[in-house]
Amino acid sequence: MKREIFYKWELVFLLWIAFFLNQADRQIFNILLPLIRDDLGLSDAQMGLISSIFVLSVGLFIPIAGFLGDLYSRKKIIIISLFVWSFATFLTGMSYTVLHLIILRSVAVGGGEAFYAPSANALMSEYHYKTRARAMSIHQTSLYIGIILSGVIGGYLGEHYGWKFAFYLFGAIGVFYSLILIWRLPPSRVVRNSSSSFSESIIFIKEAFRLLFTTPSAILLGLSFVCLVFVNVAYLTWMPTLLHEKFNLSLTDAGFSSMFYHHVFAFTGIIFGGIFSDKLARKSKYSRLIMQAFGLFLGAPFIFWMGQSSSLIPVYIALAGFGLGRGIFEANFITTLFATIEPKYRASVNGLVLSFVFIIGSISPYLLGSFKQSFGLSNGLSSLGFAYIIGGICVIIVWKLFFAKDIVLEPMEQ
């Protein structure tokens, strides 16, 4: 029993580090965006396009990742994903044109990262039942810490050693860690028939599609996550630039300040959201949905305030409130989504949902970059608050109309 407990929490720890590298490799581009833009002579619209294609690549590859995560070894998929995105990050440092950045950064890094989340989330769900929201929440904190530290480290390395060196360093660390996971990452508990014929695999994929599109709760929860990611992708891409240009902060200070206050409070929101939702769920199956809706409605006014503030202190307060609401939502999203899907289809459905999420989310960096001169970056960021309100409404509809009949019963954790 003690050994089982050790393995299930060691899994979370190992995946925490992998996800940390995932988000750090993703965010250093946004932190170093002004340096890359000026060094290569690119426009704001081109930089936004690179970020948009990155997110679009994640969206296009992630459903394939979900299907493979249900049909083949989740451990192998996670390790290969980590190696590919890390090696592509290393190669990004060799870029000299916008085409290089699109191929290496947007397609190769984005495609490699796409294969991580469906298998990682499904693998954790195998080892955690009563502690699932807590495990998912702890895993999600690596996103926040990865973004904060990459902001500081990436900004410092860029200013002192050049933007290329930052990509070399982060990429090399990820390649090395992928070798460690070969040795320590525990295997999946779900027995798969990897020798299934092509026709059997197609049937499985069709069933995953059917499950998603005949489950209203899964669709609406996915839409709520679309709203959250649409905002987050735009914020991650352009907030460091806003602080750098509007308040004349250095790249290091802009990278730190734009990420630190938001993600520290997101960290707080997701930890307490995960702990409390696991406890409250024993009394009411709707508690996690209520917390999700609350998180989105809480964050909306702070997003508006974030863009409109004319001094730094109010911006930092707004970033904190925005982060707290985001963390509360993210502590519960995967858990409520998985509650409506049979276990053997979870990676596939997760991949399909995330595909839609990232394809729509990919639009926001390009939109803000394109309208930056005419509409203003501050106004563009503020307007994103409406997306959080729409997402909260989607969760309320699930709570009131669909969740009770869509929920899937599963055996208790041994």
Protein backbone atom coordinates (compact mmCIF):
# COMPACT_ATOMS: atom_id res chain seq x y z
CA MET A 1 0.00 0.00 0.00
CA LYS A 2 2.81 2.41 0.91
CA ARG A 3 4.55 1.51 -2.34
CA GLU A 4 1.39 2.31 -4.31
CA ILE A 5 1.10 5.69 -2.61
CA PHE A 6 4.76 6.42 -3.36
CA TYR A 7 4.38 5.54 -7.04
CA LYS A 8 1.28 7.64 -7.60
CA TRP A 9 2.87 10.75 -6.08
CA GLU A 10 6.24 10.11 -7.70
CA LEU A 11 4.35 10.12 -11.01
CA VAL A 12 2.97 13.58 -10.23
CA PHE A 13 6.46 14.81 -9.29
CA LEU A 14 8.08 13.49 -12.48
CA LEU A 15 5.34 14.92 -14.68
CA TRP A 16 5.50 18.20 -12.76
CA ILE A 17 9.10 18.69 -13.92
CA ALA A 18 8.22 17.70 -17.50
CA PHE A 19 5.33 20.18 -17.58
CA PHE A 20 7.58 22.83 -16.03
CA LEU A 21 9.93 22.44 -19.00
CA ASN A 22 6.96 22.41 -21.37
CA GLN A 23 5.76 25.80 -20.18
CA ALA A 24 9.23 27.30 -19.77
CA ASP A 25 10.14 26.39 -23.36
CA ARG A 26 6.83 27.86 -24.49
CA GLN A 27 7.10 31.15 -22.59
CA ILE A 28 10.70 32.16 -23.27
CA PHE A 29 9.68 33.14 -26.81
CA ASN A 30 7.13 35.60 -25.43
CA ILE A 31 9.62 37.05 -22.95
CA LEU A 32 12.29 37.46 -25.62
CA LEU A 33 9.84 38.67 -28.27
CA PRO A 34 11.16 42.29 -28.43
CA LEU A 35 14.77 41.08 -28.77
CA ILE A 36 13.90 38.54 -31.49
CA ARG A 37 11.75 41.09 -33.32
CA ASP A 38 14.44 43.77 -33.33
CA ASP A 39 17.32 41.39 -34.10
CA LEU A 40 15.60 39.80 -37.09
CA GLY A 41 13.78 42.96 -38.22
CA LEU A 42 10.27 41.51 -37.90
CA SER A 43 6.95 43.33 -37.39
CA ASP A 44 4.51 42.99 -34.47
CA ALA A 45 2.06 41.24 -36.80
CA GLN A 46 4.73 38.71 -37.81
CA MET A 47 5.59 38.01 -34.17
CA GLY A 48 1.91 37.55 -33.40
CA LEU A 49 1.62 35.23 -36.41
CA ILE A 50 4.49 33.05 -35.11
CA SER A 51 2.70 32.70 -31.76
CA SER A 52 -0.62 32.02 -33.46
CA ILE A 53 0.84 29.28 -35.67
CA PHE A 54 2.47 27.76 -32.58
CA VAL A 55 -0.89 27.48 -30.80
CA LEU A 56 -2.57 26.32 -34.02
CA SER A 57 0.04 23.55 -34.38
CA VAL A 58 -0.74 22.39 -30.85
CA GLY A 59 -4.43 22.37 -31.74
CA LEU A 60 -3.94 20.37 -34.93
CA PHE A 61 -1.62 17.74 -33.43
CA ILE A 62 -3.30 17.27 -30.07
CA PRO A 63 -6.28 15.12 -31.20
CA ILE A 64 -3.79 12.70 -32.79
CA ALA A 65 -1.93 12.74 -29.49
CA GLY A 66 -5.12 11.88 -27.64
CA PHE A 67 -5.94 8.89 -29.84
CA LEU A 68 -2.39 7.55 -29.57
CA GLY A 69 -2.54 8.01 -25.79
CA ASP A 70 -5.49 5.64 -25.59
CA LEU A 71 -4.12 3.12 -28.10
CA TYR A 72 -0.41 2.95 -27.21
CA SER A 73 2.02 3.42 -24.31
CA ARG A 74 1.39 6.71 -22.56
CA LYS A 75 4.83 6.54 -20.96
CA LYS A 76 6.58 6.34 -24.35
CA ILE A 77 4.46 9.13 -25.81
CA ILE A 78 5.31 11.46 -22.91
CA ILE A 79 9.05 10.77 -23.21
CA ILE A 80 9.16 11.16 -27.00
CA SER A 81 7.10 14.37 -26.75
CA LEU A 82 9.52 15.86 -24.22
CA PHE A 83 12.55 14.96 -26.34
CA VAL A 84 11.07 16.38 -29.57
CA TRP A 85 9.95 19.74 -28.19
CA SER A 86 13.21 20.19 -26.24
CA PHE A 87 15.42 19.41 -29.24
CA ALA A 88 13.31 21.75 -31.40
CA THR A 89 13.69 24.47 -28.73
CA PHE A 90 17.46 24.03 -28.95
CA LEU A 91 17.33 24.36 -32.75
CA THR A 92 15.15 27.49 -32.48
CA GLY A 93 18.25 29.31 -31.27
CA MET A 94 19.68 28.84 -34.77
CA SER A 95 16.82 30.74 -36.46
CA TYR A 96 17.54 33.74 -38.70
CA THR A 97 14.25 34.34 -40.55
CA VAL A 98 10.54 34.32 -39.82
CA LEU A 99 10.26 31.05 -41.77
CA HIS A 100 12.86 29.42 -39.51
CA LEU A 101 10.88 30.50 -36.45
CA ILE A 102 7.62 29.20 -37.89
CA ILE A 103 9.11 25.78 -38.75
CA LEU A 104 11.24 25.27 -35.64
CA ARG A 105 9.31 27.21 -33.01
CA SER A 106 5.70 27.11 -34.17
CA VAL A 107 5.48 23.69 -35.85
CA ALA A 108 8.23 21.55 -34.28
CA VAL A 109 8.03 22.83 -30.68
CA GLY A 110 4.24 23.21 -30.82
CA GLY A 111 3.77 19.78 -32.39
CA GLY A 112 6.08 18.13 -29.85
CA GLU A 113 4.34 19.77 -26.89
CA ALA A 114 0.91 18.73 -28.21
CA PHE A 115 1.58 15.07 -27.46
CA TYR A 116 2.26 15.65 -23.75
CA ALA A 117 -1.01 16.73 -22.11
CA PRO A 118 -3.52 14.01 -23.16
CA SER A 119 -1.24 11.13 -22.13
CA ALA A 120 0.00 12.87 -18.97
CA ASN A 121 -3.50 13.77 -17.74
CA ALA A 122 -4.86 10.31 -18.52
CA LEU A 123 -1.89 8.60 -16.85
CA MET A 124 -2.41 10.61 -13.66
CA SER A 125 -6.12 9.81 -13.68
CA GLU A 126 -5.22 6.08 -13.64
CA TYR A 127 -3.27 6.45 -10.40
CA HIS A 128 -5.56 8.98 -8.67
CA TYR A 129 -9.29 8.78 -7.99
CA LYS A 130 -10.12 10.32 -4.62
CA THR A 131 -7.07 12.56 -4.94
CA ARG A 132 -7.52 13.34 -8.64
CA ALA A 133 -8.27 17.06 -8.40
CA ARG A 134 -5.40 17.47 -5.93
CA ALA A 135 -2.97 15.62 -8.21
CA MET A 136 -4.09 17.57 -11.29
CA SER A 137 -3.81 20.84 -9.34
CA ILE A 138 -0.28 20.09 -8.16
CA HIS A 139 0.70 19.16 -11.71
CA GLN A 140 -0.81 22.41 -13.02
CA THR A 141 1.28 24.51 -10.61
CA SER A 142 4.34 23.64 -12.71
CA LEU A 143 2.78 25.73 -15.49
CA TYR A 144 2.76 28.78 -13.25
CA ILE A 145 6.22 28.27 -11.80
CA GLY A 146 7.64 27.42 -15.23
CA ILE A 147 6.28 30.64 -16.68
CA ILE A 148 7.48 32.77 -13.75
CA LEU A 149 11.01 31.37 -13.74
CA SER A 150 11.31 31.35 -17.51
CA GLY A 151 10.31 35.01 -17.44
CA VAL A 152 13.12 35.90 -15.05
CA ILE A 153 15.76 33.52 -16.41
CA GLY A 154 14.84 34.04 -20.06
CA GLY A 155 14.84 37.83 -19.71
CA TYR A 156 18.18 37.82 -17.90
CA LEU A 157 19.85 35.45 -20.37
CA GLY A 158 18.47 37.42 -23.31
CA GLU A 159 19.75 40.76 -22.03
CA HIS A 160 23.19 39.46 -21.02
CA TYR A 161 23.93 36.62 -23.46
CA GLY A 162 21.49 37.08 -26.33
CA TRP A 163 18.14 35.48 -27.08
CA LYS A 164 19.68 32.49 -28.88
CA PHE A 165 21.55 31.29 -25.79
CA ALA A 166 18.29 31.04 -23.80
CA PHE A 167 16.87 28.59 -26.34
CA TYR A 168 20.07 26.54 -26.34
CA LEU A 169 20.03 26.20 -22.54
CA PHE A 170 16.35 25.35 -22.05
CA GLY A 171 16.39 22.90 -24.96
CA ALA A 172 19.44 21.02 -23.70
CA ILE A 173 17.96 20.61 -20.20
CA GLY A 174 14.78 19.09 -21.65
CA VAL A 175 16.66 16.60 -23.82
CA PHE A 176 18.62 15.42 -20.77
CA TYR A 177 15.46 15.07 -18.63
CA SER A 178 13.74 12.93 -21.27
CA LEU A 179 16.48 10.35 -20.73
CA ILE A 180 15.80 10.33 -16.96
CA LEU A 181 12.09 9.59 -17.56
CA ILE A 182 12.96 6.43 -19.49
CA TRP A 183 14.29 5.08 -16.20
CA ARG A 184 11.79 6.44 -13.63
CA LEU A 185 8.38 7.16 -15.19
CA PRO A 186 5.88 4.44 -14.13
CA PRO A 187 3.91 2.65 -16.89
CA SER A 188 0.21 2.89 -17.61
CA ARG A 189 -2.15 0.66 -15.62
CA VAL A 190 -4.58 0.36 -18.54
CA VAL A 191 -3.94 -2.73 -20.65
CA ARG A 192 -3.95 -1.90 -24.36
CA ASN A 193 -3.98 -4.08 -27.41
CA SER A 194 -1.28 -2.25 -29.35
CA SER A 195 -1.62 -4.84 -32.12
CA SER A 196 -5.15 -3.69 -32.92
CA SER A 197 -5.88 -3.57 -36.62
CA PHE A 198 -6.30 -0.31 -38.48
CA SER A 199 -10.06 -0.85 -38.75
CA GLU A 200 -10.32 -1.47 -34.98
CA SER A 201 -8.41 1.76 -34.32
CA ILE A 202 -10.75 3.67 -36.63
CA ILE A 203 -13.76 2.27 -34.75
CA PHE A 204 -12.19 3.38 -31.47
CA ILE A 205 -11.58 6.89 -32.82
CA LYS A 206 -15.16 7.14 -34.13
CA GLU A 207 -16.48 6.10 -30.71
CA ALA A 208 -14.38 8.81 -29.04
CA PHE A 209 -15.86 11.39 -31.42
CA ARG A 210 -19.35 10.07 -30.71
CA LEU A 211 -18.85 10.26 -26.95
CA LEU A 212 -17.69 13.86 -27.10
CA PHE A 213 -20.37 15.17 -29.45
CA THR A 214 -23.23 13.38 -27.69
CA THR A 215 -22.16 14.61 -24.24
CA PRO A 216 -23.38 18.22 -23.78
CA SER A 217 -21.43 18.67 -20.56
CA ALA A 218 -18.14 17.83 -22.29
CA ILE A 219 -18.88 20.23 -25.16
CA LEU A 220 -19.82 23.14 -22.90
CA LEU A 221 -16.93 22.54 -20.52
CA GLY A 222 -14.67 22.53 -23.56
CA LEU A 223 -16.16 25.88 -24.64
CA SER A 224 -15.47 27.33 -21.20
CA PHE A 225 -11.86 26.25 -21.54
CA VAL A 226 -11.73 27.82 -25.02
CA CYS A 227 -12.63 31.14 -23.41
CA LEU A 228 -9.94 30.76 -20.76
CA VAL A 229 -7.19 29.74 -23.21
CA PHE A 230 -8.13 32.48 -25.69
CA VAL A 231 -7.44 35.01 -22.94
CA ASN A 232 -4.37 33.29 -21.54
CA VAL A 233 -2.58 32.90 -24.88
CA ALA A 234 -3.04 36.60 -25.68
CA TYR A 235 -1.94 37.59 -22.17
CA LEU A 236 1.17 35.38 -22.23
CA THR A 237 2.18 36.69 -25.66
CA TRP A 238 1.64 40.41 -25.19
CA MET A 239 1.68 41.31 -21.47
CA PRO A 240 5.52 41.43 -21.23
CA THR A 241 5.57 43.74 -24.27
CA LEU A 242 2.87 45.97 -22.73
CA LEU A 243 4.90 46.48 -19.53
CA HIS A 244 8.08 47.00 -21.55
CA GLU A 245 6.57 49.61 -23.86
CA LYS A 246 3.94 51.29 -21.66
CA PHE A 247 5.91 51.51 -18.41
CA ASN A 248 9.48 51.37 -19.78
CA LEU A 249 10.46 48.28 -17.80
CA SER A 250 13.53 46.32 -18.83
CA LEU A 251 12.95 42.94 -20.45
CA THR A 252 13.98 41.17 -17.24
CA ASP A 253 11.62 43.29 -15.09
CA ALA A 254 8.79 43.07 -17.64
CA GLY A 255 9.22 39.31 -17.93
CA PHE A 256 9.14 38.92 -14.15
CA SER A 257 6.35 41.37 -13.34
CA SER A 258 4.02 40.27 -16.12
CA MET A 259 4.20 36.66 -14.96
CA PHE A 260 4.97 36.67 -11.23
CA TYR A 261 1.89 38.32 -9.68
CA HIS A 262 -0.54 36.52 -11.96
CA HIS A 263 0.96 33.07 -11.53
CA VAL A 264 1.63 33.27 -7.79
CA PHE A 265 -2.07 33.88 -7.24
CA ALA A 266 -2.99 31.29 -9.87
CA PHE A 267 -0.81 28.88 -7.89
CA THR A 268 -2.74 29.79 -4.73
CA GLY A 269 -6.07 29.41 -6.51
CA ILE A 270 -5.28 26.02 -7.98
CA ILE A 271 -3.85 24.53 -4.76
CA PHE A 272 -6.76 25.60 -2.58
CA GLY A 273 -9.23 24.95 -5.39
CA GLY A 274 -7.96 21.38 -5.75
CA ILE A 275 -7.97 20.65 -2.01
CA PHE A 276 -11.40 22.15 -1.35
CA SER A 277 -13.02 20.68 -4.44
CA ASP A 278 -11.94 17.14 -3.45
CA LYS A 279 -13.53 17.69 -0.03
CA LEU A 280 -16.67 19.44 -1.24
CA ALA A 281 -17.23 16.85 -3.98
CA ARG A 282 -17.98 14.28 -1.27
CA LYS A 283 -21.03 16.35 -0.34
CA SER A 284 -22.14 17.61 -3.76
CA LYS A 285 -21.27 16.49 -7.28
CA TYR A 286 -21.83 20.07 -8.46
CA SER A 287 -19.26 21.73 -6.20
CA ARG A 288 -16.44 21.64 -8.75
CA LEU A 289 -18.65 23.22 -11.41
CA ILE A 290 -19.65 26.00 -9.02
CA MET A 291 -15.99 26.70 -8.29
CA GLN A 292 -15.16 26.77 -12.01
CA ALA A 293 -17.88 29.33 -12.76
CA PHE A 294 -16.83 31.41 -9.75
CA GLY A 295 -13.22 31.47 -10.96
CA LEU A 296 -14.15 32.80 -14.40
CA PHE A 297 -16.57 35.45 -13.10
CA LEU A 298 -13.96 36.53 -10.54
CA GLY A 299 -11.26 36.96 -13.17
CA ALA A 300 -13.28 38.96 -15.73
CA PRO A 301 -13.22 42.44 -14.10
CA PHE A 302 -9.56 42.08 -13.21
CA ILE A 303 -8.69 41.38 -16.86
CA PHE A 304 -10.38 44.64 -17.85
CA TRP A 305 -8.55 46.53 -15.08
CA MET A 306 -5.23 44.94 -16.11
CA GLY A 307 -5.27 46.65 -19.49
CA GLN A 308 -6.72 50.00 -18.42
CA SER A 309 -4.55 50.78 -15.39
CA SER A 310 -2.20 53.72 -15.83
CA SER A 311 0.29 52.82 -13.09
CA LEU A 312 2.08 49.64 -12.13
CA ILE A 313 0.57 48.87 -8.69
CA PRO A 314 -3.03 48.59 -10.02
CA VAL A 315 -1.72 46.45 -12.90
CA TYR A 316 -0.08 44.06 -10.44
CA ILE A 317 -3.26 43.86 -8.33
CA ALA A 318 -5.29 43.15 -11.48
CA LEU A 319 -2.83 40.46 -12.57
CA ALA A 320 -3.18 38.85 -9.14
CA GLY A 321 -6.99 38.81 -9.22
CA PHE A 322 -6.99 37.50 -12.78
CA GLY A 323 -4.59 34.74 -11.73
CA LEU A 324 -6.63 33.74 -8.69
CA GLY A 325 -9.76 33.24 -10.77
CA ARG A 326 -7.83 31.31 -13.41
CA GLY A 327 -6.32 28.99 -10.80
CA ILE A 328 -9.70 28.17 -9.25
CA PHE A 329 -11.06 27.25 -12.68
CA GLU A 330 -8.06 25.17 -13.74
CA ALA A 331 -8.09 23.21 -10.47
CA ASN A 332 -11.37 21.64 -11.56
CA PHE A 333 -11.54 21.56 -15.37
CA ILE A 334 -9.91 18.20 -16.16
CA THR A 335 -11.63 16.53 -13.21
CA THR A 336 -15.12 17.64 -14.27
CA LEU A 337 -14.43 16.81 -17.92
CA PHE A 338 -13.20 13.30 -17.04
CA ALA A 339 -16.28 12.81 -14.84
CA THR A 340 -18.37 12.75 -18.03
CA ILE A 341 -16.11 10.41 -20.08
CA GLU A 342 -15.41 6.68 -19.77
CA PRO A 343 -11.81 6.05 -18.58
CA LYS A 344 -10.56 4.27 -21.71
CA TYR A 345 -11.53 7.24 -23.92
CA ARG A 346 -10.21 10.04 -21.72
CA ALA A 347 -6.96 10.77 -23.55
CA SER A 348 -8.81 10.80 -26.88
CA VAL A 349 -11.60 13.11 -25.72
CA ASN A 350 -9.11 15.31 -23.87
CA GLY A 351 -7.14 15.60 -27.11
CA LEU A 352 -10.23 16.50 -29.14
CA VAL A 353 -11.31 19.15 -26.65
CA LEU A 354 -7.82 20.64 -26.45
CA SER A 355 -7.60 20.66 -30.25
CA PHE A 356 -10.64 22.90 -30.49
CA VAL A 357 -9.38 24.98 -27.57
CA PHE A 358 -5.97 25.69 -29.07
CA ILE A 359 -7.18 26.23 -32.63
CA ILE A 360 -9.54 28.98 -31.42
CA GLY A 361 -6.97 30.26 -28.92
CA SER A 362 -4.37 30.57 -31.68
CA ILE A 363 -6.27 33.52 -33.13
CA SER A 364 -5.78 35.86 -30.17
CA PRO A 365 -2.02 36.68 -30.43
CA TYR A 366 -2.36 37.56 -34.11
CA LEU A 367 -5.49 39.63 -33.50
CA LEU A 368 -3.85 41.68 -30.76
CA GLY A 369 -0.67 42.08 -32.82
CA SER A 370 -2.62 43.19 -35.90
CA PHE A 371 -4.79 45.71 -34.05
CA LYS A 372 -2.01 46.92 -31.75
CA GLN A 373 -1.45 50.19 -33.63
CA SER A 374 -5.10 51.11 -34.28
CA PHE A 375 -6.96 49.67 -31.29
CA GLY A 376 -4.16 49.78 -28.73
CA LEU A 377 -2.63 46.89 -26.81
CA SER A 378 -4.16 48.06 -23.52
CA ASN A 379 -7.69 48.07 -24.97
CA GLY A 380 -7.13 44.74 -26.66
CA LEU A 381 -6.10 43.05 -23.41
CA SER A 382 -8.99 44.64 -21.48
CA SER A 383 -11.58 43.41 -23.98
CA LEU A 384 -10.56 39.81 -23.23
CA GLY A 385 -12.57 39.97 -20.00
CA PHE A 386 -15.75 39.30 -21.98
CA ALA A 387 -14.43 35.85 -22.90
CA TYR A 388 -14.25 34.90 -19.21
CA ILE A 389 -17.89 35.94 -18.74
CA ILE A 390 -18.99 33.76 -21.68
CA GLY A 391 -17.01 30.83 -20.25
CA GLY A 392 -18.66 31.21 -16.85
CA ILE A 393 -22.10 31.12 -18.47
CA CYS A 394 -21.18 27.84 -20.23
CA VAL A 395 -20.27 26.24 -16.88
CA ILE A 396 -23.53 27.43 -15.29
CA ILE A 397 -25.50 25.78 -18.11
CA VAL A 398 -23.66 22.49 -17.51
CA TRP A 399 -24.41 22.70 -13.78
CA LYS A 400 -28.11 23.45 -14.21
CA LEU A 401 -29.03 21.32 -17.23
CA PHE A 402 -26.66 18.50 -18.16
CA PHE A 403 -24.11 17.33 -15.58
CA ALA A 404 -26.42 15.07 -13.55
CA LYS A 405 -27.26 12.89 -16.57
CA ASP A 406 -23.82 13.03 -18.22
CA ILE A 407 -21.74 11.96 -15.22
CA VAL A 408 -20.02 8.56 -15.53
CA LEU A 409 -19.77 6.25 -12.52
CA GLU A 410 -16.41 4.54 -12.04
CA PRO A 411 -14.98 2.14 -9.45
CA MET A 412 -13.43 3.64 -6.34
CA GLU A 413 -9.65 3.80 -6.15
CA GLN A 414 -8.18 0.70 -4.56
